[in-house]
Amino acid sequence: MPSKSPAQHRLMMGVAHDPKFAKKVGIPQKVGKEFATADKGHPGRLEKLRSNNGR
């Protein structure tokens, strides 16, 4: 599942790359890695979200 907003993208990237952060926010690192992988498959999607202010 790709990220729905730039903020969600940043959160999931942090979770995917930092086990301490993942534990702090209560999101399994596996979930963050799934989002990171899905976002890689949709280049340009985040730029579109940023241009629409996440809407």
C-alpha atoms as a PDB file:
ATOM      1  CA  MET A   1       0.000   0.000   0.000  1.00  0.00           C
ATOM      2  CA  PRO A   2       1.620   3.292  -1.022  1.00  0.00           C
ATOM      3  CA  SER A   3       1.666   6.287   1.299  1.00  0.00           C
ATOM      4  CA  LYS A   4      -1.313   8.646   1.204  1.00  0.00           C
ATOM      5  CA  SER A   5       0.582  11.797   2.178  1.00  0.00           C
ATOM      6  CA  PRO A   6       4.132  13.122   2.376  1.00  0.00           C
ATOM      7  CA  ALA A   7       3.924  12.995   6.183  1.00  0.00           C
ATOM      8  CA  GLN A   8       2.933   9.325   6.100  1.00  0.00           C
ATOM      9  CA  HIS A   9       5.772   8.630   3.671  1.00  0.00           C
ATOM     10  CA  ARG A  10       8.323  10.239   6.010  1.00  0.00           C
ATOM     11  CA  LEU A  11       6.930   8.339   9.003  1.00  0.00           C
ATOM     12  CA  MET A  12       7.047   4.987   7.238  1.00  0.00           C
ATOM     13  CA  MET A  13      10.559   5.599   5.917  1.00  0.00           C
ATOM     14  CA  GLY A  14      11.685   6.361   9.463  1.00  0.00           C
ATOM     15  CA  VAL A  15      10.006   3.205  10.738  1.00  0.00           C
ATOM     16  CA  ALA A  16      11.545   1.112   7.959  1.00  0.00           C
ATOM     17  CA  HIS A  17      15.083   2.302   8.666  1.00  0.00           C
ATOM     18  CA  ASP A  18      15.200   2.712  12.461  1.00  0.00           C
ATOM     19  CA  PRO A  19      14.058  -0.080  14.804  1.00  0.00           C
ATOM     20  CA  LYS A  20      14.143   2.221  17.864  1.00  0.00           C
ATOM     21  CA  PHE A  21      11.885   4.748  16.134  1.00  0.00           C
ATOM     22  CA  ALA A  22       9.523   1.970  15.012  1.00  0.00           C
ATOM     23  CA  LYS A  23       9.157   0.801  18.586  1.00  0.00           C
ATOM     24  CA  LYS A  24       8.677   4.375  19.839  1.00  0.00           C
ATOM     25  CA  VAL A  25       5.772   5.085  17.454  1.00  0.00           C
ATOM     26  CA  GLY A  26       4.313   1.573  17.801  1.00  0.00           C
ATOM     27  CA  ILE A  27       4.465   0.571  14.144  1.00  0.00           C
ATOM     28  CA  PRO A  28       6.106  -2.742  13.239  1.00  0.00           C
ATOM     29  CA  GLN A  29       9.204  -2.289  11.119  1.00  0.00           C
ATOM     30  CA  LYS A  30       7.816  -4.827   8.656  1.00  0.00           C
ATOM     31  CA  VAL A  31       4.900  -2.469   7.923  1.00  0.00           C
ATOM     32  CA  GLY A  32       7.272   0.446   7.306  1.00  0.00           C
ATOM     33  CA  LYS A  33       9.297  -1.671   4.903  1.00  0.00           C
ATOM     34  CA  GLU A  34       6.137  -2.661   3.013  1.00  0.00           C
ATOM     35  CA  PHE A  35       5.185   1.008   2.587  1.00  0.00           C
ATOM     36  CA  ALA A  36       8.729   1.897   1.498  1.00  0.00           C
ATOM     37  CA  THR A  37       8.667  -0.854  -1.125  1.00  0.00           C
ATOM     38  CA  ALA A  38       5.239   0.217  -2.382  1.00  0.00           C
ATOM     39  CA  ASP A  39       6.350   3.864  -2.637  1.00  0.00           C
ATOM     40  CA  LYS A  40       9.334   2.850  -4.768  1.00  0.00           C
ATOM     41  CA  GLY A  41       6.903   1.363  -7.266  1.00  0.00           C
ATOM     42  CA  HIS A  42       5.082   4.692  -7.692  1.00  0.00           C
ATOM     43  CA  PRO A  43       7.671   7.310  -8.662  1.00  0.00           C
ATOM     44  CA  GLY A  44       6.187  10.769  -9.012  1.00  0.00           C
ATOM     45  CA  ARG A  45       3.211   9.940  -6.791  1.00  0.00           C
ATOM     46  CA  LEU A  46       4.603  11.834  -3.801  1.00  0.00           C
ATOM     47  CA  GLU A  47       5.385  14.873  -5.936  1.00  0.00           C
ATOM     48  CA  LYS A  48       1.735  14.878  -7.025  1.00  0.00           C
ATOM     49  CA  LEU A  49       0.630  14.696  -3.399  1.00  0.00           C
ATOM     50  CA  ARG A  50       2.936  17.568  -2.459  1.00  0.00           C
ATOM     51  CA  SER A  51       1.588  19.735  -5.259  1.00  0.00           C
ATOM     52  CA  ASN A  52      -1.966  19.129  -4.018  1.00  0.00           C
ATOM     53  CA  ASN A  53      -1.024  19.732  -0.355  1.00  0.00           C
ATOM     54  CA  GLY A  54      -1.759  16.087   0.410  1.00  0.00           C
ATOM     55  CA  ARG A  55      -5.308  16.179  -0.944  1.00  0.00           C
END
